[in-house]
Structures are given as C-alpha cells and as structure tokens.
PDB file of N, CA and C in Angstrom:
ATOM      1  N   MET A   1      93.798 102.123  69.014  1.00  0.00           N
ATOM      2  CA  MET A   1      93.197 101.444  70.340  1.00  0.00           C
ATOM      3  C   MET A   1      94.631 101.054  71.379  1.00  0.00           C
ATOM      4  N   ILE A   2      94.318 101.569  72.522  1.00  0.00           N
ATOM      5  CA  ILE A   2      95.509 101.276  73.446  1.00  0.00           C
ATOM      6  C   ILE A   2      94.751 100.706  74.425  1.00  0.00           C
ATOM      7  N   TRP A   3      95.811  99.327  74.989  1.00  0.00           N
ATOM      8  CA  TRP A   3      95.423  97.980  75.943  1.00  0.00           C
ATOM      9  C   TRP A   3      95.888  98.718  77.520  1.00  0.00           C
ATOM     10  N   SER A   4      95.000  98.324  78.211  1.00  0.00           N
ATOM     11  CA  SER A   4      94.921  98.569  79.288  1.00  0.00           C
ATOM     12  C   SER A   4      96.604  98.876  79.925  1.00  0.00           C
ATOM     13  N   ASP A   5      97.340  97.565  79.799  1.00  0.00           N
ATOM     14  CA  ASP A   5      98.313  96.791  80.371  1.00  0.00           C
ATOM     15  C   ASP A   5      99.759  97.883  79.417  1.00  0.00           C
ATOM     16  N   SER A   6      99.144  98.480  78.535  1.00  0.00           N
ATOM     17  CA  SER A   6     100.549  99.824  77.947  1.00  0.00           C
ATOM     18  C   SER A   6     100.335 101.175  78.714  1.00  0.00           C
ATOM     19  N   ILE A   7      99.596 101.440  79.554  1.00  0.00           N
ATOM     20  CA  ILE A   7      99.234 102.428  80.046  1.00  0.00           C
ATOM     21  C   ILE A   7      99.524 102.397  81.719  1.00  0.00           C
ATOM     22  N   GLU A   8      99.246 101.340  82.242  1.00  0.00           N
ATOM     23  CA  GLU A   8      99.604 100.774  84.025  1.00  0.00           C
ATOM     24  C   GLU A   8     100.875 101.378  84.137  1.00  0.00           C
ATOM     25  N   PRO A   9     101.503 101.959  85.419  1.00  0.00           N
ATOM     26  CA  PRO A   9     100.371 102.729  86.570  1.00  0.00           C
ATOM     27  C   PRO A   9     100.140 103.756  86.038  1.00  0.00           C
ATOM     28  N   ASP A  10     100.073 104.205  84.844  1.00  0.00           N
ATOM     29  CA  ASP A  10     100.050 105.624  84.677  1.00  0.00           C
ATOM     30  C   ASP A  10      98.591 105.697  84.248  1.00  0.00           C
ATOM     31  N   LEU A  11      97.690 105.360  84.128  1.00  0.00           N
ATOM     32  CA  LEU A  11      96.097 105.539  83.812  1.00  0.00           C
ATOM     33  C   LEU A  11      96.092 107.046  83.573  1.00  0.00           C
ATOM     34  N   TYR A  12      96.572 107.625  84.884  1.00  0.00           N
ATOM     35  CA  TYR A  12      96.249 109.080  84.770  1.00  0.00           C
ATOM     36  C   TYR A  12      96.684 110.222  83.546  1.00  0.00           C
ATOM     37  N   TYR A  13      97.804 109.781  83.231  1.00  0.00           N
ATOM     38  CA  TYR A  13      98.814 110.364  82.416  1.00  0.00           C
ATOM     39  C   TYR A  13      98.550 110.320  80.973  1.00  0.00           C
ATOM     40  N   GLY A  14      98.367 109.053  81.022  1.00  0.00           N
ATOM     41  CA  GLY A  14      97.857 108.034  79.504  1.00  0.00           C
ATOM     42  C   GLY A  14      96.978 108.804  79.183  1.00  0.00           C
ATOM     43  N   PHE A  15      96.066 108.945  80.036  1.00  0.00           N
ATOM     44  CA  PHE A  15      94.492 109.684  79.299  1.00  0.00           C
ATOM     45  C   PHE A  15      94.538 111.052  79.503  1.00  0.00           C
ATOM     46  N   ARG A  16      95.594 111.526  80.172  1.00  0.00           N
ATOM     47  CA  ARG A  16      95.958 113.200  79.590  1.00  0.00           C
ATOM     48  C   ARG A  16      96.519 113.344  78.558  1.00  0.00           C
ATOM     49  N   ASP A  17      97.422 112.346  78.157  1.00  0.00           N
ATOM     50  CA  ASP A  17      98.240 112.255  76.814  1.00  0.00           C
ATOM     51  C   ASP A  17      97.556 112.321  75.629  1.00  0.00           C
ATOM     52  N   GLU A  18      96.431 111.372  75.823  1.00  0.00           N
ATOM     53  CA  GLU A  18      95.464 110.936  74.886  1.00  0.00           C
ATOM     54  C   GLU A  18      94.625 112.034  74.271  1.00  0.00           C
ATOM     55  N   VAL A  19      94.105 112.732  75.390  1.00  0.00           N
ATOM     56  CA  VAL A  19      93.060 113.782  75.441  1.00  0.00           C
ATOM     57  C   VAL A  19      93.832 114.694  74.903  1.00  0.00           C
ATOM     58  N   GLN A  20      94.836 115.194  75.306  1.00  0.00           N
ATOM     59  CA  GLN A  20      95.731 116.616  74.572  1.00  0.00           C
ATOM     60  C   GLN A  20      96.102 116.304  73.059  1.00  0.00           C
ATOM     61  N   LEU A  21      96.588 114.952  72.863  1.00  0.00           N
ATOM     62  CA  LEU A  21      96.754 114.874  71.657  1.00  0.00           C
ATOM     63  C   LEU A  21      95.542 114.817  70.384  1.00  0.00           C
ATOM     64  N   LEU A  22      94.601 114.552  70.745  1.00  0.00           N
ATOM     65  CA  LEU A  22      93.167 114.761  70.169  1.00  0.00           C
ATOM     66  C   LEU A  22      92.858 116.594  69.807  1.00  0.00           C
ATOM     67  N   ALA A  23      93.393 117.046  70.799  1.00  0.00           N
ATOM     68  CA  ALA A  23      93.314 118.576  70.934  1.00  0.00           C
ATOM     69  C   ALA A  23      94.108 119.113  70.055  1.00  0.00           C
ATOM     70  N   MET A  24      94.942 118.859  70.065  1.00  0.00           N
ATOM     71  CA  MET A  24      96.131 119.369  69.137  1.00  0.00           C
ATOM     72  C   MET A  24      95.947 119.207  67.839  1.00  0.00           C
ATOM     73  N   GLY A  25      94.875 118.179  67.650  1.00  0.00           N
ATOM     74  CA  GLY A  25      94.582 118.065  65.896  1.00  0.00           C
ATOM     75  C   GLY A  25      93.220 119.211  65.860  1.00  0.00           C
ATOM     76  N   GLY A  26      92.843 119.599  66.602  1.00  0.00           N
ATOM     77  CA  GLY A  26      91.760 120.613  66.595  1.00  0.00           C
ATOM     78  C   GLY A  26      90.758 119.952  67.058  1.00  0.00           C
ATOM     79  N   CYS A  27      90.120 119.012  67.631  1.00  0.00           N
ATOM     80  CA  CYS A  27      89.110 117.883  68.064  1.00  0.00           C
ATOM     81  C   CYS A  27      88.800 118.390  69.409  1.00  0.00           C
ATOM     82  N   HIS A  28      87.243 118.565  69.502  1.00  0.00           N
ATOM     83  CA  HIS A  28      86.763 118.658  70.602  1.00  0.00           C
ATOM     84  C   HIS A  28      86.394 117.111  71.061  1.00  0.00           C
ATOM     85  N   VAL A  29      86.806 116.851  72.444  1.00  0.00           N
ATOM     86  CA  VAL A  29      86.775 115.715  72.739  1.00  0.00           C
ATOM     87  C   VAL A  29      85.297 115.337  73.391  1.00  0.00           C
ATOM     88  N   TYR A  30      85.041 113.915  72.794  1.00  0.00           N
ATOM     89  CA  TYR A  30      83.890 113.325  73.731  1.00  0.00           C
ATOM     90  C   TYR A  30      84.102 111.902  74.663  1.00  0.00           C
ATOM     91  N   VAL A  31      84.118 111.830  75.698  1.00  0.00           N
ATOM     92  CA  VAL A  31      84.698 111.252  76.804  1.00  0.00           C
ATOM     93  C   VAL A  31      83.610 110.192  76.950  1.00  0.00           C
ATOM     94  N   THR A  32      83.381 108.948  76.846  1.00  0.00           N
ATOM     95  CA  THR A  32      82.834 108.025  77.380  1.00  0.00           C
ATOM     96  C   THR A  32      83.189 106.869  77.944  1.00  0.00           C
ATOM     97  N   LEU A  33      82.791 106.980  79.355  1.00  0.00           N
ATOM     98  CA  LEU A  33      83.325 106.121  80.251  1.00  0.00           C
ATOM     99  C   LEU A  33      82.471 104.818  80.436  1.00  0.00           C
ATOM    100  N   ASP A  34      82.933 103.508  80.295  1.00  0.00           N
ATOM    101  CA  ASP A  34      82.274 102.553  80.175  1.00  0.00           C
ATOM    102  C   ASP A  34      82.726 102.000  81.278  1.00  0.00           C
ATOM    103  N   ALA A  35      81.474 101.310  82.077  1.00  0.00           N
ATOM    104  CA  ALA A  35      82.247 101.153  83.498  1.00  0.00           C
ATOM    105  C   ALA A  35      82.086  99.659  83.314  1.00  0.00           C
ATOM    106  N   ASP A  36      81.994  98.688  82.075  1.00  0.00           N
ATOM    107  CA  ASP A  36      82.537  97.486  82.202  1.00  0.00           C
ATOM    108  C   ASP A  36      83.809  97.541  81.984  1.00  0.00           C
ATOM    109  N   ALA A  37      84.701  98.877  81.778  1.00  0.00           N
ATOM    110  CA  ALA A  37      85.997  98.278  81.983  1.00  0.00           C
ATOM    111  C   ALA A  37      86.421  98.410  83.343  1.00  0.00           C
ATOM    112  N   VAL A  38      86.162  99.058  84.250  1.00  0.00           N
ATOM    113  CA  VAL A  38      86.625  99.015  85.453  1.00  0.00           C
ATOM    114  C   VAL A  38      86.340  97.745  86.340  1.00  0.00           C
ATOM    115  N   ARG A  39      87.337  97.344  87.405  1.00  0.00           N
ATOM    116  CA  ARG A  39      87.269  96.075  88.145  1.00  0.00           C
ATOM    117  C   ARG A  39      86.100  95.953  88.752  1.00  0.00           C
ATOM    118  N   ALA A  40      85.797  94.406  88.438  1.00  0.00           N
ATOM    119  CA  ALA A  40      84.422  94.081  89.100  1.00  0.00           C
ATOM    120  C   ALA A  40      84.503  94.438  90.932  1.00  0.00           C
ATOM    121  N   ALA A  41      85.575  94.180  91.339  1.00  0.00           N
ATOM    122  CA  ALA A  41      85.402  94.636  92.465  1.00  0.00           C
ATOM    123  C   ALA A  41      85.097  95.970  93.178  1.00  0.00           C
ATOM    124  N   ASP A  42      85.374  96.785  92.036  1.00  0.00           N
ATOM    125  CA  ASP A  42      85.045  98.001  92.309  1.00  0.00           C
ATOM    126  C   ASP A  42      83.867  98.409  92.010  1.00  0.00           C
ATOM    127  N   VAL A  43      83.280  98.054  91.081  1.00  0.00           N
ATOM    128  CA  VAL A  43      82.031  97.900  90.088  1.00  0.00           C
ATOM    129  C   VAL A  43      81.369  96.671  89.461  1.00  0.00           C
ATOM    130  N   PRO A  44      80.797  96.053  90.470  1.00  0.00           N
ATOM    131  CA  PRO A  44      80.461  94.534  90.185  1.00  0.00           C
ATOM    132  C   PRO A  44      78.890  94.992  89.107  1.00  0.00           C
ATOM    133  N   GLY A  45      78.133  96.127  89.325  1.00  0.00           N
ATOM    134  CA  GLY A  45      77.005  95.858  88.666  1.00  0.00           C
ATOM    135  C   GLY A  45      77.109  96.119  87.330  1.00  0.00           C
ATOM    136  N   VAL A  46      77.421  95.397  86.107  1.00  0.00           N
ATOM    137  CA  VAL A  46      77.806  95.996  84.904  1.00  0.00           C
ATOM    138  C   VAL A  46      77.131  94.243  84.249  1.00  0.00           C
ATOM    139  N   SER A  47      76.884  94.373  82.787  1.00  0.00           N
ATOM    140  CA  SER A  47      76.859  93.288  82.292  1.00  0.00           C
ATOM    141  C   SER A  47      78.112  92.277  81.836  1.00  0.00           C
ATOM    142  N   ALA A  48      79.070  92.931  81.996  1.00  0.00           N
ATOM    143  CA  ALA A  48      80.196  92.363  81.315  1.00  0.00           C
ATOM    144  C   ALA A  48      81.722  92.623  82.644  1.00  0.00           C
ATOM    145  N   PRO A  49      81.410  91.852  83.766  1.00  0.00           N
ATOM    146  CA  PRO A  49      82.301  92.116  84.776  1.00  0.00           C
ATOM    147  C   PRO A  49      83.434  91.899  84.363  1.00  0.00           C
ATOM    148  N   ASN A  50      84.832  92.911  84.984  1.00  0.00           N
ATOM    149  CA  ASN A  50      85.798  92.800  84.672  1.00  0.00           C
ATOM    150  C   ASN A  50      86.832  92.531  85.392  1.00  0.00           C
ATOM    151  N   ALA A  51      87.212  90.906  86.021  1.00  0.00           N
ATOM    152  CA  ALA A  51      88.170  90.562  87.186  1.00  0.00           C
ATOM    153  C   ALA A  51      89.743  91.315  87.322  1.00  0.00           C
ATOM    154  N   LEU A  52      89.818  91.986  86.163  1.00  0.00           N
ATOM    155  CA  LEU A  52      91.329  92.054  85.834  1.00  0.00           C
ATOM    156  C   LEU A  52      91.026  93.997  85.321  1.00  0.00           C
ATOM    157  N   GLY A  53      89.784  94.692  85.493  1.00  0.00           N
ATOM    158  CA  GLY A  53      89.659  96.004  84.995  1.00  0.00           C
ATOM    159  C   GLY A  53      90.545  97.071  85.416  1.00  0.00           C
ATOM    160  N   LEU A  54      90.422  98.017  85.266  1.00  0.00           N
ATOM    161  CA  LEU A  54      91.118  99.145  85.758  1.00  0.00           C
ATOM    162  C   LEU A  54      90.661  99.918  87.346  1.00  0.00           C
ATOM    163  N   PRO A  55      91.587 100.519  87.947  1.00  0.00           N
ATOM    164  CA  PRO A  55      91.066 100.629  89.155  1.00  0.00           C
ATOM    165  C   PRO A  55      89.836 101.755  89.600  1.00  0.00           C
ATOM    166  N   GLY A  56      88.881 101.451  90.113  1.00  0.00           N
ATOM    167  CA  GLY A  56      88.001 102.282  89.967  1.00  0.00           C
ATOM    168  C   GLY A  56      88.186 103.727  90.282  1.00  0.00           C
ATOM    169  N   GLU A  57      89.269 103.802  91.292  1.00  0.00           N
ATOM    170  CA  GLU A  57      89.486 105.075  91.749  1.00  0.00           C
ATOM    171  C   GLU A  57      90.490 106.202  91.087  1.00  0.00           C
ATOM    172  N   GLU A  58      91.120 104.968  89.978  1.00  0.00           N
ATOM    173  CA  GLU A  58      92.122 105.625  89.172  1.00  0.00           C
ATOM    174  C   GLU A  58      91.056 106.338  87.959  1.00  0.00           C
ATOM    175  N   VAL A  59      90.035 105.784  87.617  1.00  0.00           N
ATOM    176  CA  VAL A  59      88.960 105.943  86.954  1.00  0.00           C
ATOM    177  C   VAL A  59      88.359 107.177  87.152  1.00  0.00           C
ATOM    178  N   ILE A  60      87.957 107.565  88.360  1.00  0.00           N
ATOM    179  CA  ILE A  60      87.195 108.348  89.050  1.00  0.00           C
ATOM    180  C   ILE A  60      88.241 109.907  88.880  1.00  0.00           C
ATOM    181  N   ASP A  61      89.710 109.552  88.968  1.00  0.00           N
ATOM    182  CA  ASP A  61      90.395 110.579  88.931  1.00  0.00           C
ATOM    183  C   ASP A  61      90.621 110.948  87.132  1.00  0.00           C
ATOM    184  N   CYS A  62      90.349 110.179  86.382  1.00  0.00           N
ATOM    185  CA  CYS A  62      90.434 110.394  85.165  1.00  0.00           C
ATOM    186  C   CYS A  62      89.187 111.360  84.977  1.00  0.00           C
ATOM    187  N   ALA A  63      88.154 111.193  84.977  1.00  0.00           N
ATOM    188  CA  ALA A  63      86.939 111.783  85.308  1.00  0.00           C
ATOM    189  C   ALA A  63      87.359 113.241  85.764  1.00  0.00           C
ATOM    190  N   TYR A  64      87.716 113.217  86.825  1.00  0.00           N
ATOM    191  CA  TYR A  64      87.706 114.631  87.200  1.00  0.00           C
ATOM    192  C   TYR A  64      88.515 115.742  86.291  1.00  0.00           C
ATOM    193  N   LEU A  65      89.946 114.798  85.832  1.00  0.00           N
ATOM    194  CA  LEU A  65      90.604 115.439  84.707  1.00  0.00           C
ATOM    195  C   LEU A  65      90.285 115.707  83.561  1.00  0.00           C
ATOM    196  N   ALA A  66      89.176 114.730  82.687  1.00  0.00           N
ATOM    197  CA  ALA A  66      88.215 115.430  81.817  1.00  0.00           C
ATOM    198  C   ALA A  66      87.406 116.457  82.147  1.00  0.00           C
ATOM    199  N   GLY A  67      86.897 116.691  83.083  1.00  0.00           N
ATOM    200  CA  GLY A  67      86.146 117.968  83.860  1.00  0.00           C
ATOM    201  C   GLY A  67      87.028 119.310  83.629  1.00  0.00           C
ATOM    202  N   GLU A  68      88.196 119.059  83.993  1.00  0.00           N
ATOM    203  CA  GLU A  68      89.437 120.010  83.786  1.00  0.00           C
ATOM    204  C   GLU A  68      89.917 120.556  82.621  1.00  0.00           C
ATOM    205  N   MET A  69      89.627 119.367  81.348  1.00  0.00           N
ATOM    206  CA  MET A  69      90.672 119.485  80.188  1.00  0.00           C
ATOM    207  C   MET A  69      89.714 120.501  79.269  1.00  0.00           C
ATOM    208  N   PRO A  70      89.963 121.966  79.074  1.00  0.00           N
ATOM    209  CA  PRO A  70      89.009 122.419  78.042  1.00  0.00           C
ATOM    210  C   PRO A  70      88.699 122.033  76.861  1.00  0.00           C
ATOM    211  N   SER A  71      89.160 120.886  76.101  1.00  0.00           N
ATOM    212  CA  SER A  71      89.096 120.254  75.049  1.00  0.00           C
ATOM    213  C   SER A  71      88.017 119.443  75.407  1.00  0.00           C
ATOM    214  N   VAL A  72      87.493 118.912  76.589  1.00  0.00           N
ATOM    215  CA  VAL A  72      86.798 117.960  76.771  1.00  0.00           C
ATOM    216  C   VAL A  72      85.331 118.375  76.504  1.00  0.00           C
ATOM    217  N   ALA A  73      84.494 118.372  75.278  1.00  0.00           N
ATOM    218  CA  ALA A  73      83.093 119.110  75.144  1.00  0.00           C
ATOM    219  C   ALA A  73      82.201 117.866  75.913  1.00  0.00           C
ATOM    220  N   SER A  74      82.214 116.861  76.187  1.00  0.00           N
ATOM    221  CA  SER A  74      81.231 115.966  76.654  1.00  0.00           C
ATOM    222  C   SER A  74      81.960 114.858  77.214  1.00  0.00           C
ATOM    223  N   PHE A  75      80.954 114.516  78.079  1.00  0.00           N
ATOM    224  CA  PHE A  75      81.209 113.157  79.011  1.00  0.00           C
ATOM    225  C   PHE A  75      80.063 112.112  79.393  1.00  0.00           C
ATOM    226  N   ASP A  76      80.103 111.205  79.141  1.00  0.00           N
ATOM    227  CA  ASP A  76      79.179 110.278  79.487  1.00  0.00           C
ATOM    228  C   ASP A  76      79.632 108.761  80.587  1.00  0.00           C
ATOM    229  N   LEU A  77      78.598 108.217  80.758  1.00  0.00           N
ATOM    230  CA  LEU A  77      78.848 106.913  81.776  1.00  0.00           C
ATOM    231  C   LEU A  77      78.295 106.149  81.482  1.00  0.00           C
ATOM    232  N   VAL A  78      78.789 104.651  81.073  1.00  0.00           N
ATOM    233  CA  VAL A  78      77.377 104.053  80.206  1.00  0.00           C
ATOM    234  C   VAL A  78      77.719 102.629  80.954  1.00  0.00           C
ATOM    235  N   GLU A  79      76.888 101.894  80.822  1.00  0.00           N
ATOM    236  CA  GLU A  79      77.042 100.239  81.299  1.00  0.00           C
ATOM    237  C   GLU A  79      76.501  99.878  82.884  1.00  0.00           C
ATOM    238  N   ILE A  80      76.340 100.868  83.675  1.00  0.00           N
ATOM    239  CA  ILE A  80      75.888 100.575  84.890  1.00  0.00           C
ATOM    240  C   ILE A  80      74.477  99.881  84.941  1.00  0.00           C
ATOM    241  N   ASN A  81      74.375  98.714  85.434  1.00  0.00           N
ATOM    242  CA  ASN A  81      73.242  97.657  84.976  1.00  0.00           C
ATOM    243  C   ASN A  81      72.607  97.275  86.707  1.00  0.00           C
ATOM    244  N   PRO A  82      71.615  98.334  86.811  1.00  0.00           N
ATOM    245  CA  PRO A  82      70.892  97.938  88.122  1.00  0.00           C
ATOM    246  C   PRO A  82      70.562  96.312  88.471  1.00  0.00           C
ATOM    247  N   ARG A  83      70.256  95.791  87.634  1.00  0.00           N
ATOM    248  CA  ARG A  83      69.756  94.708  88.105  1.00  0.00           C
ATOM    249  C   ARG A  83      70.871  93.531  88.810  1.00  0.00           C
ATOM    250  N   TYR A  84      72.744  93.696  88.452  1.00  0.00           N
ATOM    251  CA  TYR A  84      73.560  93.055  88.801  1.00  0.00           C
ATOM    252  C   TYR A  84      74.720  93.980  89.553  1.00  0.00           C
ATOM    253  N   ASP A  85      73.933  95.242  90.057  1.00  0.00           N
ATOM    254  CA  ASP A  85      74.385  96.045  91.177  1.00  0.00           C
ATOM    255  C   ASP A  85      74.178  95.466  92.561  1.00  0.00           C
ATOM    256  N   ARG A  86      75.053  95.205  92.890  1.00  0.00           N
ATOM    257  CA  ARG A  86      75.098  94.627  94.919  1.00  0.00           C
ATOM    258  C   ARG A  86      74.919  95.842  95.544  1.00  0.00           C
ATOM    259  N   ASP A  87      73.703  95.877  96.470  1.00  0.00           N
ATOM    260  CA  ASP A  87      73.756  97.278  97.407  1.00  0.00           C
ATOM    261  C   ASP A  87      74.052  98.341  96.717  1.00  0.00           C
ATOM    262  N   GLY A  88      73.731  98.640  95.274  1.00  0.00           N
ATOM    263  CA  GLY A  88      74.010 100.076  95.101  1.00  0.00           C
ATOM    264  C   GLY A  88      75.607 100.392  95.021  1.00  0.00           C
ATOM    265  N   GLN A  89      76.252  99.543  95.230  1.00  0.00           N
ATOM    266  CA  GLN A  89      78.078  99.459  95.051  1.00  0.00           C
ATOM    267  C   GLN A  89      78.241 100.235  93.893  1.00  0.00           C
ATOM    268  N   SER A  90      77.799 100.086  92.647  1.00  0.00           N
ATOM    269  CA  SER A  90      78.169 100.651  91.088  1.00  0.00           C
ATOM    270  C   SER A  90      77.157 101.520  91.064  1.00  0.00           C
ATOM    271  N   ALA A  91      76.043 101.854  91.519  1.00  0.00           N
ATOM    272  CA  ALA A  91      75.578 103.380  91.322  1.00  0.00           C
ATOM    273  C   ALA A  91      76.457 104.303  91.965  1.00  0.00           C
ATOM    274  N   ARG A  92      76.238 103.771  93.330  1.00  0.00           N
ATOM    275  CA  ARG A  92      77.418 105.169  93.696  1.00  0.00           C
ATOM    276  C   ARG A  92      78.655 105.186  93.633  1.00  0.00           C
ATOM    277  N   TRP A  93      79.028 104.134  92.994  1.00  0.00           N
ATOM    278  CA  TRP A  93      81.102 104.601  92.354  1.00  0.00           C
ATOM    279  C   TRP A  93      80.272 105.399  90.737  1.00  0.00           C
ATOM    280  N   ALA A  94      79.107 105.398  90.200  1.00  0.00           N
ATOM    281  CA  ALA A  94      79.002 105.957  89.155  1.00  0.00           C
ATOM    282  C   ALA A  94      78.601 107.699  89.588  1.00  0.00           C
ATOM    283  N   ALA A  95      78.326 107.318  90.647  1.00  0.00           N
ATOM    284  CA  ALA A  95      77.767 109.162  90.801  1.00  0.00           C
ATOM    285  C   ALA A  95      78.858 110.045  91.404  1.00  0.00           C
ATOM    286  N   LEU A  96      80.049 108.906  92.200  1.00  0.00           N
ATOM    287  CA  LEU A  96      81.014 109.975  92.630  1.00  0.00           C
ATOM    288  C   LEU A  96      82.159 109.919  91.213  1.00  0.00           C
ATOM    289  N   ALA A  97      82.081 109.215  89.956  1.00  0.00           N
ATOM    290  CA  ALA A  97      82.513 109.531  88.786  1.00  0.00           C
ATOM    291  C   ALA A  97      82.152 110.776  88.479  1.00  0.00           C
ATOM    292  N   ILE A  98      80.768 110.671  88.050  1.00  0.00           N
ATOM    293  CA  ILE A  98      80.252 111.880  87.470  1.00  0.00           C
ATOM    294  C   ILE A  98      80.402 113.063  88.501  1.00  0.00           C
ATOM    295  N   TRP A  99      80.198 112.925  89.963  1.00  0.00           N
ATOM    296  CA  TRP A  99      80.405 114.115  90.592  1.00  0.00           C
ATOM    297  C   TRP A  99      82.032 114.855  90.625  1.00  0.00           C
ATOM    298  N   ASN A 100      82.924 114.004  90.202  1.00  0.00           N
ATOM    299  CA  ASN A 100      84.219 114.282  89.959  1.00  0.00           C
ATOM    300  C   ASN A 100      84.333 115.096  88.866  1.00  0.00           C
ATOM    301  N   PHE A 101      83.522 114.569  87.827  1.00  0.00           N
ATOM    302  CA  PHE A 101      83.748 115.663  86.231  1.00  0.00           C
ATOM    303  C   PHE A 101      83.442 116.650  86.824  1.00  0.00           C
ATOM    304  N   LEU A 102      82.091 116.841  87.620  1.00  0.00           N
ATOM    305  CA  LEU A 102      81.548 118.275  87.999  1.00  0.00           C
ATOM    306  C   LEU A 102      82.519 119.052  88.382  1.00  0.00           C
ATOM    307  N   ILE A 103      82.951 118.319  89.619  1.00  0.00           N
ATOM    308  CA  ILE A 103      84.380 119.329  90.504  1.00  0.00           C
ATOM    309  C   ILE A 103      85.139 119.727  89.357  1.00  0.00           C
ATOM    310  N   GLY A 104      85.739 118.649  88.423  1.00  0.00           N
ATOM    311  CA  GLY A 104      86.774 119.515  87.303  1.00  0.00           C
ATOM    312  C   GLY A 104      86.469 120.531  86.446  1.00  0.00           C
ATOM    313  N   LEU A 105      84.998 120.466  86.200  1.00  0.00           N
ATOM    314  CA  LEU A 105      84.439 121.261  85.325  1.00  0.00           C
ATOM    315  C   LEU A 105      84.369 122.606  86.006  1.00  0.00           C
ATOM    316  N   GLY A 106      83.706 122.697  87.218  1.00  0.00           N
ATOM    317  CA  GLY A 106      83.855 123.678  88.011  1.00  0.00           C
ATOM    318  C   GLY A 106      85.231 124.771  88.174  1.00  0.00           C
ATOM    319  N   VAL A 107      86.647 123.533  88.292  1.00  0.00           N
ATOM    320  CA  VAL A 107      87.685 124.296  88.172  1.00  0.00           C
ATOM    321  C   VAL A 107      88.072 124.983  86.540  1.00  0.00           C
ATOM    322  N   ARG A 108      88.149 124.254  85.900  1.00  0.00           N
ATOM    323  CA  ARG A 108      87.837 124.607  84.414  1.00  0.00           C
ATOM    324  C   ARG A 108      87.167 126.104  84.568  1.00  0.00           C
ATOM    325  N   ALA A 109      86.017 126.013  84.782  1.00  0.00           N
ATOM    326  CA  ALA A 109      85.014 127.308  84.908  1.00  0.00           C
ATOM    327  C   ALA A 109      86.160 128.484  85.357  1.00  0.00           C
ATOM    328  N   LYS A 110      86.246 128.293  86.605  1.00  0.00           N
ATOM    329  CA  LYS A 110      87.251 129.153  87.317  1.00  0.00           C
ATOM    330  C   LYS A 110      88.434 129.701  86.889  1.00  0.00           C
ATOM    331  N   ARG A 111      89.093 129.105  86.088  1.00  0.00           N
ATOM    332  CA  ARG A 111      90.328 129.092  85.580  1.00  0.00           C
ATOM    333  C   ARG A 111      90.028 129.979  84.472  1.00  0.00           C
ATOM    334  N   ARG A 112      88.706 129.916  83.693  1.00  0.00           N
ATOM    335  CA  ARG A 112      88.335 130.599  82.200  1.00  0.00           C
ATOM    336  C   ARG A 112      88.146 132.425  83.178  1.00  0.00           C
ATOM    337  N   HIS A 113      87.869 132.377  84.028  1.00  0.00           N
ATOM    338  CA  HIS A 113      87.332 134.004  84.999  1.00  0.00           C
ATOM    339  C   HIS A 113      88.387 134.414  85.418  1.00  0.00           C
ATOM    340  N   ILE A 114      89.824 133.605  85.375  1.00  0.00           N
ATOM    341  CA  ILE A 114      91.029 134.588  86.248  1.00  0.00           C
ATOM    342  C   ILE A 114      91.333 135.590  85.569  1.00  0.00           C
ATOM    343  N   PRO A 115      91.760 136.911  85.787  1.00  0.00           N
ATOM    344  CA  PRO A 115      92.454 137.646  85.080  1.00  0.00           C
ATOM    345  C   PRO A 115      93.699 137.344  84.529  1.00  0.00           C
TER     346      PRO A 115
END
C-alpha cells in the first residue's frame, strides 16, 4: 500500500512507476479508479467524500496514462453516487476520466501499428 503523501506532488510518475513494476513481473494490470480517493471539491458525488483527496486533474492524467500503457489490461471507475452528486459534477468528471483513458488507449493502438 502506498499513501498519497508519499507520492505527492508526483502522482503521475508514482502511478507510472507502480504499473511498470507490476508489468516487469509479467502481470497484466487491472486499474480501478475509486472516486472516493479524489478531492471532494473535484468529485463531491461519492459516498465517502475526501476533503484532502487526490487532485481530480492529476487523477485524470493518470487515467490517460493507463490507457497508453500496454500492460494495462482493464480499467474501471467506481464509487460515483448520483444521490450525492451536485449538478452532475461528479458524473462529468467520471466521463472525462473514462474519455481520457480511451484517448490513451487510442494512442496505444496507433503505436502498435507504426512500422
């Protein structure tokens, strides 16, 4: 387990390094993005809001990176709760996170087809 204060301000690089470490062991990586871990100011519509959570923009950057990385075999996003979502802010953030993962996945696919 890695605590958030041990990787700040380099969440992106910490995430990258952990995925690469798992991949070096021959593993396919399954990434679960738990919205409860993101700052409540960015993602309020969760069952366990986190006032000191991870910055939403940085987490989205990691979603993009997950899409790019060949070792990532699966990606999901959990814990968005429409009952607590104000004005759909959390749902829009979740859609942006998934969209960025898919963009990264498209970049990955293009790299595989470049001679």
